[in-house]
Protein backbone atom coordinates (compact mmCIF):
# COMPACT_ATOMS: atom_id res chain seq x y z
CA MET A 1 -38.16 -14.75 0.33
CA ARG A 2 -34.77 -15.47 -1.21
CA ASP A 3 -32.79 -18.61 -0.40
CA PHE A 4 -29.64 -18.51 1.75
CA ASP A 5 -27.07 -21.04 0.62
CA TYR A 6 -23.56 -19.98 1.64
CA LYS A 7 -21.96 -23.10 0.22
CA LYS A 8 -23.38 -22.31 -3.21
CA SER A 9 -21.80 -18.85 -3.41
CA TYR A 10 -18.52 -19.90 -1.79
CA SER A 11 -16.63 -21.19 -4.84
CA SER A 12 -17.48 -18.14 -6.94
CA LEU A 13 -15.68 -15.95 -4.37
CA LEU A 14 -12.35 -17.74 -4.73
CA THR A 15 -10.85 -15.26 -7.18
CA PRO A 16 -7.08 -14.59 -7.24
CA GLU A 17 -7.57 -11.29 -5.37
CA VAL A 18 -9.66 -12.87 -2.63
CA VAL A 19 -7.33 -15.87 -2.29
CA SER A 20 -4.40 -13.46 -1.91
CA LEU A 21 -6.23 -11.60 0.87
CA LEU A 22 -7.05 -14.90 2.60
CA ALA A 23 -3.43 -16.06 2.42
CA CYS A 24 -2.24 -12.78 3.91
CA ILE A 25 -4.69 -13.01 6.83
CA HIS A 26 -3.83 -16.68 7.46
CA GLU A 27 -0.15 -15.79 7.59
CA HIS A 28 -0.75 -13.01 10.10
CA LYS A 29 -2.98 -15.26 12.18
CA GLY A 30 -0.13 -17.75 12.40
CA GLY A 31 1.93 -15.10 14.15
CA GLN A 32 -0.66 -14.32 16.82
CA ALA A 33 1.20 -16.49 19.35
CA SER A 34 3.96 -13.87 19.33
CA TYR A 35 1.58 -11.35 20.90
CA LYS A 36 2.09 -13.14 24.20
CA ASP A 37 5.82 -12.44 24.00
CA ALA A 38 5.34 -8.71 23.45
CA ASP A 39 5.52 -6.21 26.29
CA ALA A 40 2.38 -6.82 28.37
CA ASP A 41 1.89 -3.18 29.35
CA ALA A 42 2.25 -2.03 25.76
CA MET A 43 -0.24 -4.67 24.55
CA ASN A 44 -2.73 -3.61 27.21
CA GLU A 45 -2.33 -0.04 26.00
CA LEU A 46 -3.23 -1.19 22.48
CA ILE A 47 -6.31 -2.99 23.80
CA GLU A 48 -7.53 0.07 25.68
CA LEU A 49 -6.87 2.35 22.70
CA ALA A 50 -8.73 -0.03 20.36
CA LYS A 51 -11.76 -0.03 22.70
CA ILE A 52 -11.90 3.75 22.68
CA GLN A 53 -11.40 4.04 18.93
CA SER A 54 -13.92 1.28 18.16
CA THR A 55 -16.60 2.82 20.36
CA ASP A 56 -15.96 6.26 18.89
CA ALA A 57 -15.73 5.25 15.22
CA SER A 58 -18.70 2.87 15.08
CA ASN A 59 -20.97 5.46 16.67
CA ARG A 60 -19.47 8.34 14.69
CA ILE A 61 -20.40 6.59 11.42
CA GLU A 62 -24.03 6.90 12.57
CA GLY A 63 -23.63 10.55 13.66
CA ILE A 64 -23.46 9.70 17.38
CA ILE A 65 -20.65 11.74 18.90
CA THR A 66 -19.37 13.36 22.08
CA THR A 67 -16.18 15.15 23.12
CA ASP A 68 -12.88 13.27 23.35
CA ASP A 69 -12.75 13.81 27.09
CA ARG A 70 -16.27 12.47 27.64
CA LEU A 71 -15.61 9.55 25.30
CA ASN A 72 -12.52 8.50 27.23
CA LYS A 73 -14.34 8.71 30.55
CA LEU A 74 -17.34 6.78 29.23
CA VAL A 75 -15.26 3.96 27.74
CA ARG A 76 -13.18 3.70 30.91
CA GLU A 77 -16.42 3.75 32.96
CA LYS A 78 -15.33 6.85 34.86
CA THR A 79 -18.61 8.69 34.34
CA LEU A 80 -22.30 8.18 33.56
CA PRO A 81 -23.91 9.15 30.24
CA ARG A 82 -25.45 12.63 30.19
CA ASN A 83 -27.51 12.59 26.99
CA ARG A 84 -28.91 10.35 24.29
CA SER A 85 -25.66 10.13 22.32
CA GLU A 86 -23.68 9.21 25.41
CA GLN A 87 -26.30 6.61 26.36
CA GLU A 88 -25.82 4.89 23.02
CA ILE A 89 -22.03 5.18 23.29
CA ALA A 90 -22.17 3.55 26.74
CA GLY A 91 -24.36 0.76 25.34
CA TYR A 92 -21.87 0.08 22.55
CA ARG A 93 -19.04 0.05 25.10
CA ASP A 94 -20.81 -2.62 27.14
CA VAL A 95 -21.62 -4.87 24.17
CA LEU A 96 -18.04 -4.51 22.93
CA LYS A 97 -16.79 -5.53 26.39
CA THR A 98 -19.13 -8.55 26.40
CA ILE A 99 -17.76 -9.69 23.06
CA HIS A 100 -14.14 -9.14 24.11
CA GLU A 101 -14.54 -11.18 27.27
CA ASN A 102 -17.12 -13.85 26.39
CA HIS A 103 -17.02 -14.43 22.62
CA ASP A 104 -16.53 -18.18 22.99
CA TYR A 105 -19.86 -18.39 24.81
CA ILE A 106 -21.89 -16.19 22.43
CA PRO A 107 -23.37 -18.30 19.61
CA VAL A 108 -24.53 -16.43 16.54
CA LYS A 109 -28.23 -17.13 16.83
CA PRO A 110 -31.29 -14.87 16.54
CA GLY A 111 -31.89 -14.87 20.31
CA THR A 112 -28.29 -13.90 21.01
CA ILE A 113 -28.35 -11.12 18.42
CA LEU A 114 -31.54 -9.77 20.01
CA GLN A 115 -29.87 -9.79 23.45
CA LEU A 116 -26.86 -7.88 22.16
CA HIS A 117 -29.17 -5.33 20.51
CA ARG A 118 -31.08 -5.01 23.79
CA ASP A 119 -27.85 -4.21 25.62
CA LEU A 120 -26.92 -1.67 22.95
CA TYR A 121 -29.93 0.40 24.07
CA LYS A 122 -30.03 -0.43 27.77
CA TYR A 123 -29.11 3.10 28.86
CA SER A 124 -31.42 4.92 26.47
CA GLY A 125 -34.73 3.65 27.79
CA LYS A 126 -35.85 2.98 24.22
CA SER A 127 -38.31 0.14 23.79
CA ILE A 128 -36.74 -0.82 20.44
CA GLY A 129 -33.78 -2.51 22.12
CA GLY A 130 -33.92 -6.29 21.72
CA SER A 131 -36.84 -6.28 19.28
CA TYR A 132 -37.00 -6.64 15.51
CA LYS A 133 -38.33 -3.71 13.49
CA ASN A 134 -42.08 -3.14 13.65
CA ALA A 135 -42.26 -1.16 10.41
CA ASP A 136 -40.61 -1.41 7.01
CA ASN A 137 -37.42 0.61 6.65
CA VAL A 138 -35.12 1.73 3.86
CA ILE A 139 -31.41 2.38 3.47
CA ALA A 140 -31.09 5.94 2.23
CA GLU A 141 -28.32 8.45 1.63
CA GLU A 142 -28.34 12.22 1.83
CA LEU A 143 -27.18 13.95 -1.34
CA PRO A 144 -25.10 17.17 -1.39
CA ASP A 145 -28.22 19.26 -2.05
CA GLY A 146 -29.87 17.91 1.11
CA THR A 147 -32.29 15.55 -0.59
CA LYS A 148 -32.36 11.86 0.23
CA ARG A 149 -32.16 8.89 -2.13
CA VAL A 150 -33.20 5.33 -1.35
CA ARG A 151 -30.25 3.02 -1.90
CA PHE A 152 -31.87 -0.24 -0.85
CA GLU A 153 -35.20 -1.57 0.40
CA PRO A 154 -34.57 -4.25 3.04
CA VAL A 155 -36.75 -7.22 3.95
CA PRO A 156 -40.20 -6.09 5.15
CA ALA A 157 -40.86 -6.17 8.87
CA TRP A 158 -43.18 -9.17 8.76
CA GLU A 159 -40.51 -11.34 7.08
CA THR A 160 -37.65 -10.28 9.34
CA PRO A 161 -37.85 -12.93 12.12
CA GLU A 162 -37.86 -15.77 9.59
CA ALA A 163 -35.05 -14.17 7.55
CA MET A 164 -32.87 -13.92 10.65
CA GLU A 165 -33.56 -17.55 11.56
CA ARG A 166 -32.58 -18.61 8.05
CA ILE A 167 -29.30 -16.69 7.75
CA CYS A 168 -28.14 -17.92 11.15
CA ALA A 169 -29.02 -21.50 10.21
CA ALA A 170 -27.32 -21.17 6.80
CA PHE A 171 -24.18 -19.74 8.40
CA ALA A 172 -24.05 -22.52 11.00
CA GLU A 173 -24.56 -25.22 8.38
CA ALA A 174 -21.89 -23.81 6.05
CA GLY A 175 -19.33 -23.69 8.84
CA SER A 176 -20.19 -27.00 10.49
CA GLY A 177 -18.01 -29.23 8.34
CA GLY A 178 -14.84 -27.20 8.73
CA GLU A 179 -14.27 -27.36 4.97
CA LEU A 180 -15.17 -23.73 4.14
CA ASP A 181 -12.96 -20.86 5.25
CA PRO A 182 -14.94 -18.80 7.80
CA LEU A 183 -13.19 -15.68 6.51
CA LEU A 184 -15.35 -15.96 3.39
CA LEU A 185 -18.52 -16.90 5.23
CA ILE A 186 -18.36 -14.00 7.70
CA PRO A 187 -18.61 -11.15 5.13
CA VAL A 188 -21.49 -12.94 3.34
CA PHE A 189 -23.36 -13.29 6.64
CA ILE A 190 -22.78 -9.62 7.51
CA LEU A 191 -23.94 -8.58 4.03
CA ASP A 192 -27.17 -10.57 4.46
CA PHE A 193 -27.66 -9.08 7.92
CA LEU A 194 -27.36 -5.56 6.51
CA CYS A 195 -29.69 -6.34 3.61
CA ILE A 196 -32.31 -7.71 6.02
CA HIS A 197 -31.80 -4.60 8.22
CA PRO A 198 -33.65 -6.30 11.08
CA PHE A 199 -33.92 -3.41 13.54
CA ASN A 200 -35.57 -0.01 13.62
CA ASP A 201 -32.19 1.44 14.59
CA GLY A 202 -28.67 0.23 15.31
CA ASN A 203 -28.22 -2.04 12.28
CA GLY A 204 -24.83 -0.60 11.27
CA ARG A 205 -23.40 -0.76 14.76
CA MET A 206 -24.72 -4.29 15.27
CA SER A 207 -23.14 -5.38 11.99
CA ARG A 208 -19.73 -4.18 13.17
CA LEU A 209 -20.12 -5.82 16.57
CA LEU A 210 -21.16 -9.09 14.89
CA THR A 211 -18.17 -8.88 12.56
CA LEU A 212 -15.88 -8.67 15.57
CA LEU A 213 -17.70 -11.48 17.34
CA LEU A 214 -17.48 -13.82 14.35
CA LEU A 215 -13.79 -13.08 13.82
CA TYR A 216 -13.04 -13.73 17.49
CA ARG A 217 -15.00 -16.98 17.47
CA THR A 218 -12.91 -18.24 14.55
CA GLY A 219 -9.57 -17.24 16.07
CA TYR A 220 -8.86 -13.89 14.37
CA GLU A 221 -8.11 -11.57 17.29
CA VAL A 222 -6.63 -8.55 15.54
CA GLY A 223 -9.69 -6.44 16.41
CA ARG A 224 -8.69 -6.67 20.05
CA TYR A 225 -5.58 -4.58 19.35
CA VAL A 226 -6.47 -2.51 16.28
CA SER A 227 -9.90 -0.96 15.83
CA LEU A 228 -11.65 -2.43 12.79
CA GLU A 229 -14.40 0.15 13.24
CA ARG A 230 -11.89 2.99 12.90
CA LEU A 231 -10.56 1.51 9.68
CA ILE A 232 -14.13 1.24 8.36
CA ASN A 233 -14.89 4.83 9.37
CA ASP A 234 -11.71 6.00 7.64
CA SER A 235 -12.88 4.33 4.43
CA LYS A 236 -16.64 4.63 4.81
CA GLU A 237 -17.23 5.88 1.27
CA THR A 238 -15.63 2.70 -0.07
CA TYR A 239 -17.61 0.73 2.51
CA TYR A 240 -20.93 2.13 1.30
CA GLU A 241 -19.96 1.61 -2.34
CA ALA A 242 -19.04 -2.04 -1.72
CA LEU A 243 -22.27 -2.59 0.22
CA ALA A 244 -24.32 -0.98 -2.56
CA ASP A 245 -22.59 -3.01 -5.29
CA SER A 246 -23.10 -6.27 -3.43
CA SER A 247 -26.76 -5.62 -2.62
CA ILE A 248 -27.88 -5.21 -6.26
CA GLY A 249 -30.22 -8.11 -7.04
CA TRP A 250 -30.08 -9.36 -3.44
CA HIS A 251 -33.82 -10.02 -3.13
CA GLU A 252 -33.69 -12.23 -6.23
CA GLY A 253 -30.56 -14.06 -5.06
CA GLU A 254 -28.62 -12.68 -8.02
CA ASN A 255 -26.32 -10.29 -6.18
CA ASP A 256 -22.52 -10.43 -6.31
CA CYS A 257 -21.06 -10.72 -2.80
CA ALA A 258 -17.49 -10.19 -4.01
CA PRO A 259 -17.22 -6.37 -3.63
CA PHE A 260 -18.26 -6.51 0.04
CA VAL A 261 -16.17 -9.62 0.74
CA ARG A 262 -13.07 -7.98 -0.76
CA TYR A 263 -13.70 -4.81 1.23
CA LEU A 264 -14.10 -6.55 4.60
CA LEU A 265 -11.12 -8.84 4.03
CA GLY A 266 -9.10 -5.77 3.08
CA ILE A 267 -10.02 -4.18 6.41
CA VAL A 268 -8.79 -7.26 8.28
CA VAL A 269 -5.52 -7.27 6.30
CA ALA A 270 -5.02 -3.55 7.02
CA ALA A 271 -5.59 -4.19 10.74
CA TYR A 272 -3.05 -7.02 10.86
CA ARG A 273 -0.47 -4.92 9.01
CA GLU A 274 -1.01 -1.99 11.35
CA LEU A 275 -0.61 -4.31 14.33
CA ALA A 276 2.63 -5.70 12.90
CA GLU A 277 3.97 -2.16 12.55
CA ARG A 278 2.97 -1.33 16.11
CA LEU A 279 4.55 -4.49 17.47
CA GLY A 280 7.73 -3.57 15.63
CA SER A 281 7.69 -0.18 17.33
CA ILE A 282 7.11 -1.79 20.70
CA ALA A 283 9.99 -4.20 20.14
CA GLY A 284 12.24 -1.28 19.27
CA ARG A 285 11.53 0.64 22.46
CA PRO A 286 14.37 0.82 24.97
CA LYS A 287 13.67 -1.30 28.00
CA SER A 288 13.04 0.33 31.35
CA LYS A 289 15.78 0.10 33.95
CA PRO A 290 13.83 -2.32 36.21
CA ASP A 291 13.18 -4.55 33.17
CA ARG A 292 16.89 -4.54 32.32
CA ILE A 293 17.72 -5.63 35.87
CA ARG A 294 15.05 -8.32 35.71
CA ASP A 295 16.36 -9.64 32.39
CA LEU A 296 19.95 -9.64 33.65
CA ILE A 297 19.08 -11.79 36.66
CA LYS A 298 16.94 -14.12 34.56
CA SER A 299 19.69 -14.64 31.99
CA THR A 300 22.42 -15.21 34.59
CA LEU A 301 23.33 -18.83 35.31
CA GLY A 302 23.43 -19.05 39.08
CA PRO A 303 23.30 -16.24 41.65
CA ILE A 304 24.37 -12.62 41.14
CA THR A 305 25.22 -9.91 43.70
CA LYS A 306 24.01 -6.32 43.74
CA THR A 307 27.59 -5.20 43.10
CA GLU A 308 27.72 -7.29 39.95
CA ILE A 309 24.39 -5.84 38.78
CA LEU A 310 25.69 -2.30 39.30
CA ARG A 311 28.85 -3.12 37.40
CA GLN A 312 26.98 -4.55 34.41
CA CYS A 313 24.41 -1.76 34.43
CA GLY A 314 26.68 1.21 34.86
CA ASP A 315 23.99 3.81 34.06
CA ILE A 316 21.59 2.55 36.75
CA SER A 317 21.83 4.02 40.25
CA GLN A 318 22.14 1.95 43.41
CA VAL A 319 18.74 3.24 44.61
CA THR A 320 17.03 2.06 41.39
CA VAL A 321 18.70 -1.36 41.64
CA GLN A 322 17.60 -1.69 45.27
CA ARG A 323 13.99 -0.79 44.37
CA ALA A 324 13.94 -3.21 41.45
CA LEU A 325 15.29 -6.05 43.61
CA ALA A 326 12.71 -5.35 46.30
CA GLU A 327 9.90 -5.46 43.71
CA LEU A 328 11.17 -8.69 42.16
CA LEU A 329 11.43 -10.29 45.61
CA LYS A 330 7.91 -9.13 46.46
CA ASN A 331 6.56 -10.69 43.24
CA GLY A 332 8.45 -13.93 43.89
CA GLU A 333 10.35 -13.65 40.60
CA ILE A 334 13.76 -13.87 42.31
CA LEU A 335 15.11 -15.54 45.46
CA LYS A 336 17.45 -13.98 48.00
CA LEU A 337 20.44 -16.05 49.13
CA SER A 338 22.45 -15.53 52.39
CA GLY A 339 22.58 -11.94 53.68
CA GLY A 340 24.63 -8.88 54.52
CA ARG A 341 27.41 -7.82 52.18
CA TYR A 342 27.43 -11.28 50.54
CA THR A 343 23.74 -11.25 49.61
CA LYS A 344 23.05 -12.81 46.21
CA TYR A 345 19.98 -13.09 44.05
CA VAL A 346 18.87 -15.86 41.70
CA TRP A 347 15.99 -16.21 39.26
CA ASN A 348 13.07 -18.24 40.67
CA HIS A 349 12.46 -20.78 37.90
CA ASP A 350 9.69 -22.43 39.92
CA LYS A 351 7.67 -19.22 39.51
CA GLU A 352 7.43 -19.88 35.77
CA TYR A 353 5.27 -22.96 36.16
């Protein structure tokens, strides 16, 4: 079995192109704090859209599909799966949700990977879920004439458990000192995972879920708002080419990880750029009338009357102002002073803490 030494291959990956991709991602990561200042409802919409697109795209790559209506209902947990494809879609949805909500508590270890794979198949009733492959497999492609060609022969079944132990240990050791950029280690780990091909089925989907998990665990949260799986599906020919190029000589430890590393880093860069564009669009949206009233009260030094609000917001009706004030009072965001015709409102600064 080949050796796994991520530190050894690290320096050879630091080419000008890769360093440029790393710098771009680091810069975008530095701006993640601004997400909290964006419109909360709009950001939640991005999260929900990314979940749907990720579940759809990652399964679609493997030929697992359903209608748009059924997909939306399945991801939003508004229905139960009806067939095998929908069972696998529902399983992906649940593992994706687990990663979104609990990534800090999911170490990348063989036992954890087996548990995630088990959950991927929990609706299908298949016995393969949560178990390594019990027979040797191959990575093949179907040619235009319908024939199939073997692209890569993964690790044999009997070597798989040890190989998984070793790549997880090598990844943990390489990242333990904090000296090596995890953005370079993650693609190498995913490449090794795909070359081992540890399961009878679900290897591609697991690789994409693990990519997301590893990025989350190292602080790169763009996949929460923009579907990395969709970007991979949109460029899957390039994905397969990069994977093929980087797997040549893998068994002998002579493969070049760079093509796959560049590809995956490029996907992350594309996701951050798309998110930046979307945030720009969100920032450019006109504010709702209740939000304008809220912002006016918050920015006013001291109390303000309803008459003054109506005067400063000439296009907003008295009924809308009254409803907005009632909602703000209910939420405790503003305080009501005195009463009757002299009623005034003031921003509740204590609510901010």
